[in-house]
Every structure is written in C-alpha cells, then in structure tokens.
Amino acid sequence: MALSRPQAFGEALREVRAERGLSQEEAALACNIDRAYFGQLERAKKSPTLKTVWRIADSFELQPSDLLLRTERLLSR
C-alpha cells in the first residue's frame, strides 16, 4: 500500500532520528518541540508547519529539502 504524504514525512523523520541514534524524546528536545508532537509527526497524526520543518532540519544539520527529498523517495516506492 502506498504511503500518504504525512506518512512518508513521518517515516523520513524516523529514519533521520534512527540514523542519529536518538530516542523520540532526545530528538524532540534537540528540535525544541514537544515529544508528543514529534511522535505525532512520525505517526502521521499531525502534519508539520514550514517553521517546524526548518526547525527539525536545523536541529539535524540538514537542509529542509533533504527531509522533503527523503519523503519524495518514500512516496515513489
């Protein structure tokens, strides 16, 4: 079954977090966002604002486009 855009973004976010060996709590703290919200993003229960995408990317030392490219890759599977 194909992923929705929020699901693909959540999976991309999970991949980045796992690559860095961070828990959701550690990642949320690094991004300065609520842990519950971070979890909702990963589970596609919430969609991030542009501000949140930038905040996450900055925290993981990525470009926002890197997160979106990962999302696009997952959507194309």
PDB file of N, CA and C in Angstrom:
ATOM      1  N   MET A   1       0.844  -1.184   0.000  1.00  0.00           N
ATOM      2  CA  MET A   1       0.000   0.000   0.000  1.00  0.00           C
ATOM      3  C   MET A   1       0.885   1.242   0.000  1.00  0.00           C
ATOM      4  N   ALA A   2       0.526   2.207  -0.808  1.00  0.00           N
ATOM      5  CA  ALA A   2       1.302   3.438  -0.925  1.00  0.00           C
ATOM      6  C   ALA A   2       1.120   4.305   0.326  1.00  0.00           C
ATOM      7  N   LEU A   3       2.186   4.988   0.678  1.00  0.00           N
ATOM      8  CA  LEU A   3       2.140   5.897   1.822  1.00  0.00           C
ATOM      9  C   LEU A   3       1.494   7.218   1.435  1.00  0.00           C
ATOM     10  N   SER A   4       0.828   7.839   2.375  1.00  0.00           N
ATOM     11  CA  SER A   4       0.341   9.200   2.175  1.00  0.00           C
ATOM     12  C   SER A   4       1.527  10.137   2.389  1.00  0.00           C
ATOM     13  N   ARG A   5       1.393  11.381   2.033  1.00  0.00           N
ATOM     14  CA  ARG A   5       2.470  12.349   2.246  1.00  0.00           C
ATOM     15  C   ARG A   5       2.837  12.484   3.723  1.00  0.00           C
ATOM     16  N   PRO A   6       1.852  12.633   4.624  1.00  0.00           N
ATOM     17  CA  PRO A   6       2.219  12.703   6.043  1.00  0.00           C
ATOM     18  C   PRO A   6       2.908  11.428   6.543  1.00  0.00           C
ATOM     19  N   GLN A   7       2.476  10.270   6.051  1.00  0.00           N
ATOM     20  CA  GLN A   7       3.115   9.021   6.451  1.00  0.00           C
ATOM     21  C   GLN A   7       4.561   8.963   5.955  1.00  0.00           C
ATOM     22  N   ALA A   8       4.776   9.401   4.727  1.00  0.00           N
ATOM     23  CA  ALA A   8       6.124   9.390   4.162  1.00  0.00           C
ATOM     24  C   ALA A   8       7.023  10.370   4.908  1.00  0.00           C
ATOM     25  N   PHE A   9       6.496  11.549   5.257  1.00  0.00           N
ATOM     26  CA  PHE A   9       7.298  12.502   6.031  1.00  0.00           C
ATOM     27  C   PHE A   9       7.635  11.902   7.395  1.00  0.00           C
ATOM     28  N   GLY A  10       6.672  11.286   8.030  1.00  0.00           N
ATOM     29  CA  GLY A  10       6.907  10.663   9.328  1.00  0.00           C
ATOM     30  C   GLY A  10       7.968   9.585   9.254  1.00  0.00           C
ATOM     31  N   GLU A  11       7.934   8.785   8.199  1.00  0.00           N
ATOM     32  CA  GLU A  11       8.933   7.738   8.025  1.00  0.00           C
ATOM     33  C   GLU A  11      10.310   8.349   7.767  1.00  0.00           C
ATOM     34  N   ALA A  12      10.366   9.406   6.975  1.00  0.00           N
ATOM     35  CA  ALA A  12      11.637  10.096   6.729  1.00  0.00           C
ATOM     36  C   ALA A  12      12.194  10.655   8.034  1.00  0.00           C
ATOM     37  N   LEU A  13      11.337  11.225   8.838  1.00  0.00           N
ATOM     38  CA  LEU A  13      11.743  11.769  10.129  1.00  0.00           C
ATOM     39  C   LEU A  13      12.270  10.654  11.035  1.00  0.00           C
ATOM     40  N   ARG A  14      11.584   9.534  11.044  1.00  0.00           N
ATOM     41  CA  ARG A  14      12.004   8.380  11.849  1.00  0.00           C
ATOM     42  C   ARG A  14      13.376   7.876  11.390  1.00  0.00           C
ATOM     43  N   GLU A  15      13.588   7.827  10.061  1.00  0.00           N
ATOM     44  CA  GLU A  15      14.870   7.392   9.515  1.00  0.00           C
ATOM     45  C   GLU A  15      16.009   8.292  10.000  1.00  0.00           C
ATOM     46  N   VAL A  16      15.805   9.592   9.891  1.00  0.00           N
ATOM     47  CA  VAL A  16      16.840  10.543  10.293  1.00  0.00           C
ATOM     48  C   VAL A  16      17.135  10.392  11.785  1.00  0.00           C
ATOM     49  N   ARG A  17      16.099  10.289  12.570  1.00  0.00           N
ATOM     50  CA  ARG A  17      16.272  10.142  14.017  1.00  0.00           C
ATOM     51  C   ARG A  17      17.040   8.858  14.333  1.00  0.00           C
ATOM     52  N   ALA A  18      16.673   7.755  13.680  1.00  0.00           N
ATOM     53  CA  ALA A  18      17.329   6.474  13.928  1.00  0.00           C
ATOM     54  C   ALA A  18      18.792   6.507  13.496  1.00  0.00           C
ATOM     55  N   GLU A  19      19.080   7.164  12.384  1.00  0.00           N
ATOM     56  CA  GLU A  19      20.459   7.282  11.915  1.00  0.00           C
ATOM     57  C   GLU A  19      21.345   7.982  12.942  1.00  0.00           C
ATOM     58  N   ARG A  20      20.735   8.857  13.704  1.00  0.00           N
ATOM     59  CA  ARG A  20      21.481   9.596  14.721  1.00  0.00           C
ATOM     60  C   ARG A  20      21.450   8.914  16.086  1.00  0.00           C
ATOM     61  N   GLY A  21      20.731   7.797  16.149  1.00  0.00           N
ATOM     62  CA  GLY A  21      20.672   7.026  17.383  1.00  0.00           C
ATOM     63  C   GLY A  21      19.936   7.737  18.511  1.00  0.00           C
ATOM     64  N   LEU A  22      18.926   8.520  18.148  1.00  0.00           N
ATOM     65  CA  LEU A  22      18.175   9.300  19.134  1.00  0.00           C
ATOM     66  C   LEU A  22      16.812   8.684  19.419  1.00  0.00           C
ATOM     67  N   SER A  23      16.383   8.802  20.654  1.00  0.00           N
ATOM     68  CA  SER A  23      15.005   8.460  21.001  1.00  0.00           C
ATOM     69  C   SER A  23      14.113   9.608  20.524  1.00  0.00           C
ATOM     70  N   GLN A  24      12.814   9.381  20.522  1.00  0.00           N
ATOM     71  CA  GLN A  24      11.897  10.479  20.180  1.00  0.00           C
ATOM     72  C   GLN A  24      12.079  11.640  21.146  1.00  0.00           C
ATOM     73  N   GLU A  25      12.239  11.317  22.418  1.00  0.00           N
ATOM     74  CA  GLU A  25      12.396  12.362  23.426  1.00  0.00           C
ATOM     75  C   GLU A  25      13.657  13.181  23.177  1.00  0.00           C
ATOM     76  N   GLU A  26      14.767  12.514  22.885  1.00  0.00           N
ATOM     77  CA  GLU A  26      16.024  13.212  22.618  1.00  0.00           C
ATOM     78  C   GLU A  26      15.922  14.071  21.359  1.00  0.00           C
ATOM     79  N   ALA A  27      15.292  13.519  20.331  1.00  0.00           N
ATOM     80  CA  ALA A  27      15.141  14.260  19.079  1.00  0.00           C
ATOM     81  C   ALA A  27      14.237  15.478  19.275  1.00  0.00           C
ATOM     82  N   ALA A  28      13.142  15.294  19.973  1.00  0.00           N
ATOM     83  CA  ALA A  28      12.224  16.411  20.229  1.00  0.00           C
ATOM     84  C   ALA A  28      12.923  17.507  21.024  1.00  0.00           C
ATOM     85  N   LEU A  29      13.704  17.106  22.003  1.00  0.00           N
ATOM     86  CA  LEU A  29      14.445  18.082  22.807  1.00  0.00           C
ATOM     87  C   LEU A  29      15.427  18.848  21.927  1.00  0.00           C
ATOM     88  N   ALA A  30      16.139  18.134  21.057  1.00  0.00           N
ATOM     89  CA  ALA A  30      17.095  18.779  20.148  1.00  0.00           C
ATOM     90  C   ALA A  30      16.396  19.757  19.201  1.00  0.00           C
ATOM     91  N   CYS A  31      15.164  19.424  18.825  1.00  0.00           N
ATOM     92  CA  CYS A  31      14.393  20.264  17.901  1.00  0.00           C
ATOM     93  C   CYS A  31      13.605  21.355  18.619  1.00  0.00           C
ATOM     94  N   ASN A  32      13.604  21.288  19.940  1.00  0.00           N
ATOM     95  CA  ASN A  32      12.841  22.239  20.755  1.00  0.00           C
ATOM     96  C   ASN A  32      11.342  22.188  20.433  1.00  0.00           C
ATOM     97  N   ILE A  33      10.847  20.941  20.306  1.00  0.00           N
ATOM     98  CA  ILE A  33       9.411  20.741  20.131  1.00  0.00           C
ATOM     99  C   ILE A  33       8.959  19.682  21.135  1.00  0.00           C
ATOM    100  N   ASP A  34       7.691  19.652  21.413  1.00  0.00           N
ATOM    101  CA  ASP A  34       7.118  18.718  22.371  1.00  0.00           C
ATOM    102  C   ASP A  34       7.302  17.285  21.890  1.00  0.00           C
ATOM    103  N   ARG A  35       7.667  16.371  22.797  1.00  0.00           N
ATOM    104  CA  ARG A  35       7.890  14.980  22.435  1.00  0.00           C
ATOM    105  C   ARG A  35       6.635  14.334  21.861  1.00  0.00           C
ATOM    106  N   ALA A  36       5.495  14.642  22.439  1.00  0.00           N
ATOM    107  CA  ALA A  36       4.243  14.076  21.939  1.00  0.00           C
ATOM    108  C   ALA A  36       3.978  14.532  20.501  1.00  0.00           C
ATOM    109  N   TYR A  37       4.246  15.793  20.219  1.00  0.00           N
ATOM    110  CA  TYR A  37       4.066  16.325  18.860  1.00  0.00           C
ATOM    111  C   TYR A  37       5.031  15.640  17.896  1.00  0.00           C
ATOM    112  N   PHE A  38       6.287  15.448  18.332  1.00  0.00           N
ATOM    113  CA  PHE A  38       7.277  14.766  17.499  1.00  0.00           C
ATOM    114  C   PHE A  38       6.765  13.359  17.150  1.00  0.00           C
ATOM    115  N   GLY A  39       6.248  12.660  18.143  1.00  0.00           N
ATOM    116  CA  GLY A  39       5.699  11.333  17.910  1.00  0.00           C
ATOM    117  C   GLY A  39       4.518  11.354  16.954  1.00  0.00           C
ATOM    118  N   GLN A  40       3.682  12.376  17.080  1.00  0.00           N
ATOM    119  CA  GLN A  40       2.537  12.505  16.173  1.00  0.00           C
ATOM    120  C   GLN A  40       2.999  12.759  14.745  1.00  0.00           C
ATOM    121  N   LEU A  41       4.085  13.498  14.580  1.00  0.00           N
ATOM    122  CA  LEU A  41       4.637  13.712  13.239  1.00  0.00           C
ATOM    123  C   LEU A  41       5.110  12.383  12.659  1.00  0.00           C
ATOM    124  N   GLU A  42       5.822  11.609  13.455  1.00  0.00           N
ATOM    125  CA  GLU A  42       6.321  10.318  12.973  1.00  0.00           C
ATOM    126  C   GLU A  42       5.184   9.358  12.632  1.00  0.00           C
ATOM    127  N   ARG A  43       4.102   9.420  13.367  1.00  0.00           N
ATOM    128  CA  ARG A  43       2.964   8.524  13.132  1.00  0.00           C
ATOM    129  C   ARG A  43       1.941   9.106  12.156  1.00  0.00           C
ATOM    130  N   ALA A  44       2.245  10.257  11.595  1.00  0.00           N
ATOM    131  CA  ALA A  44       1.370  10.921  10.611  1.00  0.00           C
ATOM    132  C   ALA A  44       0.029  11.336  11.200  1.00  0.00           C
ATOM    133  N   LYS A  45       0.007  11.571  12.501  1.00  0.00           N
ATOM    134  CA  LYS A  45      -1.207  12.072  13.136  1.00  0.00           C
ATOM    135  C   LYS A  45      -1.294  13.589  13.002  1.00  0.00           C
ATOM    136  N   LYS A  46      -0.152  14.222  12.783  1.00  0.00           N
ATOM    137  CA  LYS A  46      -0.070  15.669  12.573  1.00  0.00           C
ATOM    138  C   LYS A  46       0.820  15.921  11.368  1.00  0.00           C
ATOM    139  N   SER A  47       0.607  17.049  10.713  1.00  0.00           N
ATOM    140  CA  SER A  47       1.477  17.494   9.627  1.00  0.00           C
ATOM    141  C   SER A  47       2.243  18.715  10.110  1.00  0.00           C
ATOM    142  N   PRO A  48       3.534  18.777   9.784  1.00  0.00           N
ATOM    143  CA  PRO A  48       4.340  19.891  10.285  1.00  0.00           C
ATOM    144  C   PRO A  48       4.081  21.181   9.519  1.00  0.00           C
ATOM    145  N   THR A  49       4.266  22.285  10.209  1.00  0.00           N
ATOM    146  CA  THR A  49       4.267  23.575   9.534  1.00  0.00           C
ATOM    147  C   THR A  49       5.632  23.748   8.874  1.00  0.00           C
ATOM    148  N   LEU A  50       5.745  24.710   8.001  1.00  0.00           N
ATOM    149  CA  LEU A  50       7.023  25.007   7.367  1.00  0.00           C
ATOM    150  C   LEU A  50       8.060  25.387   8.421  1.00  0.00           C
ATOM    151  N   LYS A  51       7.638  26.132   9.420  1.00  0.00           N
ATOM    152  CA  LYS A  51       8.522  26.522  10.518  1.00  0.00           C
ATOM    153  C   LYS A  51       9.072  25.289  11.227  1.00  0.00           C
ATOM    154  N   THR A  52       8.229  24.290  11.439  1.00  0.00           N
ATOM    155  CA  THR A  52       8.653  23.067  12.108  1.00  0.00           C
ATOM    156  C   THR A  52       9.614  22.269  11.236  1.00  0.00           C
ATOM    157  N   VAL A  53       9.365  22.207   9.942  1.00  0.00           N
ATOM    158  CA  VAL A  53      10.280  21.512   9.035  1.00  0.00           C
ATOM    159  C   VAL A  53      11.666  22.150   9.116  1.00  0.00           C
ATOM    160  N   TRP A  54      11.721  23.477   9.080  1.00  0.00           N
ATOM    161  CA  TRP A  54      13.006  24.182   9.192  1.00  0.00           C
ATOM    162  C   TRP A  54      13.662  23.891  10.533  1.00  0.00           C
ATOM    163  N   ARG A  55      12.892  23.906  11.608  1.00  0.00           N
ATOM    164  CA  ARG A  55      13.441  23.670  12.946  1.00  0.00           C
ATOM    165  C   ARG A  55      14.047  22.266  13.043  1.00  0.00           C
ATOM    166  N   ILE A  56      13.327  21.280  12.526  1.00  0.00           N
ATOM    167  CA  ILE A  56      13.821  19.905  12.547  1.00  0.00           C
ATOM    168  C   ILE A  56      15.096  19.793  11.706  1.00  0.00           C
ATOM    169  N   ALA A  57      15.056  20.335  10.506  1.00  0.00           N
ATOM    170  CA  ALA A  57      16.219  20.268   9.622  1.00  0.00           C
ATOM    171  C   ALA A  57      17.437  20.931  10.272  1.00  0.00           C
ATOM    172  N   ASP A  58      17.252  22.101  10.831  1.00  0.00           N
ATOM    173  CA  ASP A  58      18.364  22.786  11.503  1.00  0.00           C
ATOM    174  C   ASP A  58      18.920  21.947  12.641  1.00  0.00           C
ATOM    175  N   SER A  59      18.056  21.345  13.419  1.00  0.00           N
ATOM    176  CA  SER A  59      18.484  20.541  14.558  1.00  0.00           C
ATOM    177  C   SER A  59      19.280  19.314  14.130  1.00  0.00           C
ATOM    178  N   PHE A  60      18.925  18.744  12.989  1.00  0.00           N
ATOM    179  CA  PHE A  60      19.617  17.561  12.484  1.00  0.00           C
ATOM    180  C   PHE A  60      20.732  17.928  11.500  1.00  0.00           C
ATOM    181  N   GLU A  61      21.000  19.219  11.381  1.00  0.00           N
ATOM    182  CA  GLU A  61      22.032  19.734  10.478  1.00  0.00           C
ATOM    183  C   GLU A  61      21.813  19.259   9.042  1.00  0.00           C
ATOM    184  N   LEU A  62      20.568  19.411   8.616  1.00  0.00           N
ATOM    185  CA  LEU A  62      20.149  19.083   7.255  1.00  0.00           C
ATOM    186  C   LEU A  62      19.536  20.323   6.623  1.00  0.00           C
ATOM    187  N   GLN A  63      19.378  20.265   5.331  1.00  0.00           N
ATOM    188  CA  GLN A  63      18.573  21.259   4.640  1.00  0.00           C
ATOM    189  C   GLN A  63      17.128  20.755   4.666  1.00  0.00           C
ATOM    190  N   PRO A  64      16.159  21.654   4.738  1.00  0.00           N
ATOM    191  CA  PRO A  64      14.765  21.195   4.677  1.00  0.00           C
ATOM    192  C   PRO A  64      14.507  20.354   3.434  1.00  0.00           C
ATOM    193  N   SER A  65      15.168  20.695   2.343  1.00  0.00           N
ATOM    194  CA  SER A  65      14.984  19.927   1.112  1.00  0.00           C
ATOM    195  C   SER A  65      15.432  18.477   1.287  1.00  0.00           C
ATOM    196  N   ASP A  66      16.422  18.222   2.162  1.00  0.00           N
ATOM    197  CA  ASP A  66      16.848  16.848   2.417  1.00  0.00           C
ATOM    198  C   ASP A  66      15.706  16.031   3.013  1.00  0.00           C
ATOM    199  N   LEU A  67      14.986  16.626   3.955  1.00  0.00           N
ATOM    200  CA  LEU A  67      13.833  15.928   4.544  1.00  0.00           C
ATOM    201  C   LEU A  67      12.756  15.669   3.494  1.00  0.00           C
ATOM    202  N   LEU A  68      12.533  16.666   2.649  1.00  0.00           N
ATOM    203  CA  LEU A  68      11.498  16.506   1.625  1.00  0.00           C
ATOM    204  C   LEU A  68      11.917  15.524   0.539  1.00  0.00           C
ATOM    205  N   LEU A  69      13.205  15.491   0.210  1.00  0.00           N
ATOM    206  CA  LEU A  69      13.679  14.506  -0.771  1.00  0.00           C
ATOM    207  C   LEU A  69      13.528  13.091  -0.239  1.00  0.00           C
ATOM    208  N   ARG A  70      13.808  12.909   1.042  1.00  0.00           N
ATOM    209  CA  ARG A  70      13.581  11.597   1.649  1.00  0.00           C
ATOM    210  C   ARG A  70      12.104  11.235   1.587  1.00  0.00           C
ATOM    211  N   THR A  71      11.262  12.220   1.850  1.00  0.00           N
ATOM    212  CA  THR A  71       9.826  11.997   1.792  1.00  0.00           C
ATOM    213  C   THR A  71       9.398  11.603   0.389  1.00  0.00           C
ATOM    214  N   GLU A  72       9.909  12.318  -0.613  1.00  0.00           N
ATOM    215  CA  GLU A  72       9.581  12.002  -2.006  1.00  0.00           C
ATOM    216  C   GLU A  72      10.051  10.606  -2.389  1.00  0.00           C
ATOM    217  N   ARG A  73      11.251  10.218  -1.920  1.00  0.00           N
ATOM    218  CA  ARG A  73      11.773   8.885  -2.207  1.00  0.00           C
ATOM    219  C   ARG A  73      10.831   7.816  -1.656  1.00  0.00           C
ATOM    220  N   LEU A  74      10.366   8.036  -0.447  1.00  0.00           N
ATOM    221  CA  LEU A  74       9.445   7.070   0.165  1.00  0.00           C
ATOM    222  C   LEU A  74       8.113   7.035  -0.571  1.00  0.00           C
ATOM    223  N   LEU A  75       7.672   8.159  -1.068  1.00  0.00           N
ATOM    224  CA  LEU A  75       6.403   8.195  -1.816  1.00  0.00           C
ATOM    225  C   LEU A  75       6.504   7.471  -3.154  1.00  0.00           C
ATOM    226  N   SER A  76       7.705   7.456  -3.713  1.00  0.00           N
ATOM    227  CA  SER A  76       7.861   6.852  -5.046  1.00  0.00           C
ATOM    228  C   SER A  76       8.025   5.342  -5.017  1.00  0.00           C
ATOM    229  N   ARG A  77       8.100   4.761  -3.828  1.00  0.00           N
ATOM    230  CA  ARG A  77       8.234   3.293  -3.722  1.00  0.00           C
ATOM    231  C   ARG A  77       7.007   2.581  -4.200  1.00  0.00           C
TER     232      ARG A  77
END
